[in-house]
Amino acid sequence: MLTVLIYLLVMVLVGGLLFLGASAVFGRSEELPPLPPGTTATVLPAEDVTAADVKALRFQQTLRGYKASEVDWALDRLGREIDSLRAQLAARDAGAGAAGQAGDPEVPR
């Protein structure tokens, strides 16, 4: 039983030394300064949001999940982008429909 206890203590000591050695060699990397109050790391482009932009979204985590104001902002921004694209499609379809009624051949899509 004493052998098992000594074995465990030696393993913990070796593991601790390996951890300290790796920490000394590699360090903690560069620490980033905290964000100023009222700012966020969540970004989306002003126009032409792509799937890659949405996949790259990152939200700050709080005690009970993601920061609600950031999620609300992102959803609002994506909603406005969808509304803008639908308005552009409706305008294009209305223009194509008016051209088709005037006797012009319909433009293939």
N, C-alpha and C. Protein backbone atom coordinates (compact mmCIF):
# COMPACT_ATOMS: atom_id res chain seq x y z
N MET A 1 0.82 -1.19 0.00
CA MET A 1 0.00 0.00 0.00
C MET A 1 0.87 1.26 0.00
N LEU A 2 1.97 1.19 0.74
CA LEU A 2 2.89 2.32 0.80
C LEU A 2 3.53 2.55 -0.58
N THR A 3 3.76 1.47 -1.30
CA THR A 3 4.35 1.58 -2.64
C THR A 3 3.41 2.34 -3.58
N VAL A 4 2.12 2.06 -3.50
CA VAL A 4 1.14 2.74 -4.34
C VAL A 4 1.09 4.22 -4.00
N LEU A 5 1.13 4.56 -2.73
CA LEU A 5 1.11 5.95 -2.30
C LEU A 5 2.35 6.70 -2.78
N ILE A 6 3.50 6.07 -2.66
CA ILE A 6 4.74 6.69 -3.14
C ILE A 6 4.69 6.86 -4.65
N TYR A 7 4.19 5.84 -5.34
CA TYR A 7 4.04 5.91 -6.80
C TYR A 7 3.15 7.09 -7.19
N LEU A 8 2.01 7.26 -6.52
CA LEU A 8 1.10 8.36 -6.80
C LEU A 8 1.76 9.72 -6.55
N LEU A 9 2.46 9.84 -5.44
CA LEU A 9 3.12 11.10 -5.12
C LEU A 9 4.19 11.44 -6.16
N VAL A 10 4.96 10.44 -6.58
CA VAL A 10 5.98 10.67 -7.59
C VAL A 10 5.34 11.09 -8.91
N MET A 11 4.23 10.46 -9.29
CA MET A 11 3.55 10.81 -10.54
C MET A 11 3.00 12.24 -10.49
N VAL A 12 2.44 12.63 -9.36
CA VAL A 12 1.93 14.00 -9.20
C VAL A 12 3.09 14.99 -9.27
N LEU A 13 4.20 14.66 -8.64
CA LEU A 13 5.37 15.53 -8.66
C LEU A 13 5.92 15.66 -10.08
N VAL A 14 6.04 14.55 -10.80
CA VAL A 14 6.54 14.59 -12.18
C VAL A 14 5.58 15.40 -13.06
N GLY A 15 4.29 15.18 -12.91
CA GLY A 15 3.31 15.94 -13.69
C GLY A 15 3.39 17.43 -13.40
N GLY A 16 3.53 17.78 -12.13
CA GLY A 16 3.66 19.19 -11.76
C GLY A 16 4.92 19.82 -12.33
N LEU A 17 6.03 19.08 -12.29
CA LEU A 17 7.27 19.60 -12.85
C LEU A 17 7.17 19.77 -14.36
N LEU A 18 6.53 18.82 -15.04
CA LEU A 18 6.33 18.96 -16.48
C LEU A 18 5.47 20.18 -16.80
N PHE A 19 4.43 20.39 -16.02
CA PHE A 19 3.56 21.55 -16.23
C PHE A 19 4.33 22.85 -16.02
N LEU A 20 5.08 22.93 -14.93
CA LEU A 20 5.85 24.14 -14.67
C LEU A 20 6.92 24.37 -15.73
N GLY A 21 7.56 23.29 -16.18
CA GLY A 21 8.56 23.42 -17.23
C GLY A 21 7.96 23.92 -18.54
N ALA A 22 6.83 23.36 -18.92
CA ALA A 22 6.17 23.81 -20.14
C ALA A 22 5.70 25.25 -20.01
N SER A 23 5.21 25.63 -18.85
CA SER A 23 4.78 27.01 -18.62
C SER A 23 5.95 27.98 -18.72
N ALA A 24 7.10 27.57 -18.20
CA ALA A 24 8.27 28.44 -18.26
C ALA A 24 8.80 28.57 -19.68
N VAL A 25 8.77 27.48 -20.45
CA VAL A 25 9.29 27.51 -21.81
C VAL A 25 8.35 28.25 -22.75
N PHE A 26 7.07 27.91 -22.72
CA PHE A 26 6.12 28.47 -23.68
C PHE A 26 5.41 29.71 -23.16
N GLY A 27 5.40 29.93 -21.89
CA GLY A 27 4.76 31.11 -21.32
C GLY A 27 3.25 31.06 -21.46
N ARG A 28 2.63 32.18 -21.16
CA ARG A 28 1.17 32.26 -21.24
C ARG A 28 0.74 32.93 -22.52
N SER A 29 1.65 33.12 -23.45
CA SER A 29 1.38 33.81 -24.70
C SER A 29 1.18 35.29 -24.40
N GLU A 30 0.79 36.04 -25.39
CA GLU A 30 0.56 37.47 -25.19
C GLU A 30 -0.83 37.66 -24.62
N GLU A 31 -0.91 38.39 -23.56
CA GLU A 31 -2.22 38.66 -22.98
C GLU A 31 -2.80 39.89 -23.66
N LEU A 32 -4.04 39.78 -24.09
CA LEU A 32 -4.72 40.90 -24.71
C LEU A 32 -5.31 41.79 -23.64
N PRO A 33 -5.28 43.09 -23.85
CA PRO A 33 -5.90 43.96 -22.86
C PRO A 33 -7.42 43.78 -22.90
N PRO A 34 -8.10 44.02 -21.80
CA PRO A 34 -9.55 43.87 -21.81
C PRO A 34 -10.19 44.93 -22.70
N LEU A 35 -11.35 44.59 -23.24
CA LEU A 35 -12.07 45.55 -24.08
C LEU A 35 -12.58 46.70 -23.22
N PRO A 36 -12.57 47.90 -23.77
CA PRO A 36 -13.14 49.02 -23.01
C PRO A 36 -14.62 48.79 -22.75
N PRO A 37 -15.15 49.33 -21.66
CA PRO A 37 -16.57 49.15 -21.36
C PRO A 37 -17.44 49.69 -22.50
N GLY A 38 -18.49 48.97 -22.81
CA GLY A 38 -19.42 49.40 -23.85
C GLY A 38 -19.03 48.99 -25.25
N THR A 39 -17.90 48.30 -25.42
CA THR A 39 -17.50 47.84 -26.75
C THR A 39 -17.63 46.32 -26.81
N THR A 40 -17.56 45.80 -28.01
CA THR A 40 -17.72 44.37 -28.19
C THR A 40 -16.79 43.88 -29.29
N ALA A 41 -16.48 42.61 -29.26
CA ALA A 41 -15.66 42.00 -30.30
C ALA A 41 -16.53 41.42 -31.41
N THR A 42 -17.83 41.52 -31.27
CA THR A 42 -18.76 40.99 -32.26
C THR A 42 -18.85 41.97 -33.42
N VAL A 43 -18.50 41.52 -34.63
CA VAL A 43 -18.51 42.42 -35.79
C VAL A 43 -19.20 41.76 -36.97
N LEU A 44 -19.85 42.59 -37.77
CA LEU A 44 -20.43 42.21 -39.05
C LEU A 44 -20.16 43.36 -40.01
N PRO A 45 -19.97 43.08 -41.30
CA PRO A 45 -19.77 44.18 -42.24
C PRO A 45 -21.04 45.02 -42.38
N ALA A 46 -20.88 46.27 -42.80
CA ALA A 46 -22.02 47.17 -42.93
C ALA A 46 -22.98 46.71 -44.02
N GLU A 47 -22.46 46.11 -45.06
CA GLU A 47 -23.30 45.63 -46.18
C GLU A 47 -22.75 44.29 -46.66
N ASP A 48 -23.58 43.61 -47.43
CA ASP A 48 -23.17 42.35 -48.07
C ASP A 48 -22.64 41.32 -47.07
N VAL A 49 -23.46 40.97 -46.11
CA VAL A 49 -23.10 39.95 -45.13
C VAL A 49 -23.08 38.60 -45.83
N THR A 50 -22.02 37.84 -45.64
CA THR A 50 -21.91 36.53 -46.26
C THR A 50 -22.03 35.44 -45.20
N ALA A 51 -22.13 34.20 -45.67
CA ALA A 51 -22.20 33.07 -44.74
C ALA A 51 -20.93 32.98 -43.90
N ALA A 52 -19.81 33.31 -44.48
CA ALA A 52 -18.54 33.27 -43.73
C ALA A 52 -18.56 34.30 -42.59
N ASP A 53 -19.17 35.46 -42.84
CA ASP A 53 -19.28 36.47 -41.78
C ASP A 53 -20.12 35.95 -40.62
N VAL A 54 -21.21 35.28 -40.95
CA VAL A 54 -22.10 34.75 -39.90
C VAL A 54 -21.39 33.63 -39.14
N LYS A 55 -20.67 32.77 -39.86
CA LYS A 55 -19.95 31.68 -39.19
C LYS A 55 -18.84 32.21 -38.28
N ALA A 56 -18.29 33.37 -38.62
CA ALA A 56 -17.19 33.94 -37.83
C ALA A 56 -17.68 34.73 -36.62
N LEU A 57 -18.98 34.88 -36.46
CA LEU A 57 -19.51 35.62 -35.31
C LEU A 57 -19.11 34.96 -34.01
N ARG A 58 -18.67 35.75 -33.07
CA ARG A 58 -18.34 35.28 -31.73
C ARG A 58 -18.97 36.23 -30.74
N PHE A 59 -19.58 35.67 -29.71
CA PHE A 59 -20.25 36.48 -28.69
C PHE A 59 -19.54 36.29 -27.36
N GLN A 60 -19.57 37.35 -26.54
CA GLN A 60 -19.03 37.24 -25.19
C GLN A 60 -19.93 36.32 -24.39
N GLN A 61 -19.32 35.51 -23.55
CA GLN A 61 -20.11 34.63 -22.70
C GLN A 61 -20.26 35.26 -21.32
N THR A 62 -21.46 35.13 -20.80
CA THR A 62 -21.74 35.62 -19.46
C THR A 62 -22.12 34.43 -18.59
N LEU A 63 -22.52 34.70 -17.38
CA LEU A 63 -22.85 33.63 -16.45
C LEU A 63 -23.97 32.74 -16.99
N ARG A 64 -24.94 33.34 -17.65
CA ARG A 64 -26.10 32.57 -18.12
C ARG A 64 -26.14 32.43 -19.64
N GLY A 65 -25.00 32.33 -20.28
CA GLY A 65 -24.98 32.12 -21.73
C GLY A 65 -24.28 33.28 -22.43
N TYR A 66 -24.76 33.60 -23.62
CA TYR A 66 -24.15 34.67 -24.40
C TYR A 66 -24.72 36.02 -23.98
N LYS A 67 -23.97 37.07 -24.24
CA LYS A 67 -24.40 38.42 -23.89
C LYS A 67 -25.58 38.79 -24.77
N ALA A 68 -26.72 39.01 -24.16
CA ALA A 68 -27.98 39.21 -24.89
C ALA A 68 -27.92 40.41 -25.82
N SER A 69 -27.29 41.49 -25.42
CA SER A 69 -27.25 42.68 -26.27
C SER A 69 -26.49 42.41 -27.56
N GLU A 70 -25.43 41.60 -27.51
CA GLU A 70 -24.69 41.27 -28.72
C GLU A 70 -25.50 40.38 -29.64
N VAL A 71 -26.18 39.40 -29.08
CA VAL A 71 -27.00 38.50 -29.89
C VAL A 71 -28.14 39.29 -30.53
N ASP A 72 -28.79 40.17 -29.76
CA ASP A 72 -29.87 40.99 -30.30
C ASP A 72 -29.37 41.88 -31.43
N TRP A 73 -28.19 42.47 -31.24
CA TRP A 73 -27.62 43.32 -32.28
C TRP A 73 -27.37 42.52 -33.56
N ALA A 74 -26.77 41.34 -33.42
CA ALA A 74 -26.45 40.52 -34.59
C ALA A 74 -27.72 40.09 -35.31
N LEU A 75 -28.74 39.67 -34.56
CA LEU A 75 -29.99 39.25 -35.19
C LEU A 75 -30.67 40.43 -35.88
N ASP A 76 -30.63 41.61 -35.28
CA ASP A 76 -31.21 42.79 -35.90
C ASP A 76 -30.48 43.13 -37.19
N ARG A 77 -29.15 43.07 -37.15
CA ARG A 77 -28.35 43.37 -38.34
C ARG A 77 -28.62 42.36 -39.46
N LEU A 78 -28.71 41.09 -39.12
CA LEU A 78 -29.00 40.07 -40.14
C LEU A 78 -30.42 40.24 -40.67
N GLY A 79 -31.37 40.61 -39.81
CA GLY A 79 -32.74 40.84 -40.25
C GLY A 79 -32.82 42.00 -41.23
N ARG A 80 -32.08 43.08 -40.95
CA ARG A 80 -32.08 44.22 -41.88
C ARG A 80 -31.46 43.83 -43.22
N GLU A 81 -30.42 43.00 -43.18
CA GLU A 81 -29.79 42.55 -44.43
C GLU A 81 -30.77 41.71 -45.26
N ILE A 82 -31.51 40.83 -44.60
CA ILE A 82 -32.50 40.01 -45.30
C ILE A 82 -33.60 40.89 -45.89
N ASP A 83 -34.09 41.87 -45.11
CA ASP A 83 -35.12 42.78 -45.61
C ASP A 83 -34.63 43.56 -46.82
N SER A 84 -33.38 44.01 -46.77
CA SER A 84 -32.80 44.76 -47.88
C SER A 84 -32.71 43.90 -49.14
N LEU A 85 -32.27 42.66 -48.98
CA LEU A 85 -32.16 41.76 -50.14
C LEU A 85 -33.53 41.42 -50.72
N ARG A 86 -34.52 41.23 -49.84
CA ARG A 86 -35.87 40.94 -50.33
C ARG A 86 -36.45 42.14 -51.06
N ALA A 87 -36.18 43.35 -50.58
CA ALA A 87 -36.66 44.55 -51.27
C ALA A 87 -36.01 44.68 -52.64
N GLN A 88 -34.72 44.36 -52.73
CA GLN A 88 -34.04 44.40 -54.03
C GLN A 88 -34.64 43.38 -54.98
N LEU A 89 -34.93 42.18 -54.48
CA LEU A 89 -35.55 41.15 -55.33
C LEU A 89 -36.94 41.57 -55.78
N ALA A 90 -37.72 42.15 -54.86
CA ALA A 90 -39.07 42.58 -55.22
C ALA A 90 -39.02 43.68 -56.26
N ALA A 91 -38.09 44.61 -56.13
CA ALA A 91 -37.96 45.68 -57.12
C ALA A 91 -37.54 45.12 -58.47
N ARG A 92 -36.63 44.18 -58.46
CA ARG A 92 -36.20 43.57 -59.72
C ARG A 92 -37.33 42.78 -60.36
N ASP A 93 -38.07 42.02 -59.54
CA ASP A 93 -39.20 41.25 -60.08
C ASP A 93 -40.29 42.17 -60.60
N ALA A 94 -40.54 43.28 -59.91
CA ALA A 94 -41.56 44.23 -60.38
C ALA A 94 -41.13 44.86 -61.69
N GLY A 95 -39.86 45.17 -61.83
CA GLY A 95 -39.34 45.73 -63.07
C GLY A 95 -39.41 44.71 -64.20
N ALA A 96 -39.12 43.47 -63.92
CA ALA A 96 -39.18 42.42 -64.94
C ALA A 96 -40.63 42.14 -65.32
N GLY A 97 -41.54 42.20 -64.35
CA GLY A 97 -42.96 41.98 -64.64
C GLY A 97 -43.54 43.10 -65.48
N ALA A 98 -43.16 44.34 -65.23
CA ALA A 98 -43.64 45.47 -66.02
C ALA A 98 -43.08 45.40 -67.43
N ALA A 99 -41.84 44.97 -67.59
CA ALA A 99 -41.25 44.84 -68.91
C ALA A 99 -41.92 43.72 -69.69
N GLY A 100 -42.29 42.65 -69.01
CA GLY A 100 -42.97 41.53 -69.66
C GLY A 100 -44.38 41.89 -70.10
N GLN A 101 -45.07 42.74 -69.35
CA GLN A 101 -46.42 43.16 -69.70
C GLN A 101 -46.41 44.16 -70.84
N ALA A 102 -45.31 44.87 -71.05
CA ALA A 102 -45.22 45.86 -72.12
C ALA A 102 -44.95 45.21 -73.46
N GLY A 103 -44.87 43.92 -73.52
CA GLY A 103 -44.66 43.23 -74.78
C GLY A 103 -43.22 42.81 -75.00
N ASP A 104 -42.35 43.16 -74.11
CA ASP A 104 -40.96 42.74 -74.23
C ASP A 104 -40.86 41.26 -73.90
N PRO A 105 -39.98 40.55 -74.56
CA PRO A 105 -39.79 39.15 -74.18
C PRO A 105 -39.23 39.07 -72.77
N GLU A 106 -39.67 38.05 -72.06
CA GLU A 106 -39.22 37.89 -70.67
C GLU A 106 -37.75 37.51 -70.64
N VAL A 107 -37.03 38.13 -69.76
CA VAL A 107 -35.61 37.87 -69.62
C VAL A 107 -35.43 36.60 -68.81
N PRO A 108 -34.68 35.61 -69.34
CA PRO A 108 -34.49 34.38 -68.55
C PRO A 108 -33.63 34.67 -67.33
N ARG A 109 -33.88 33.94 -66.27
CA ARG A 109 -33.12 34.13 -65.02
C ARG A 109 -32.18 32.99 -64.81
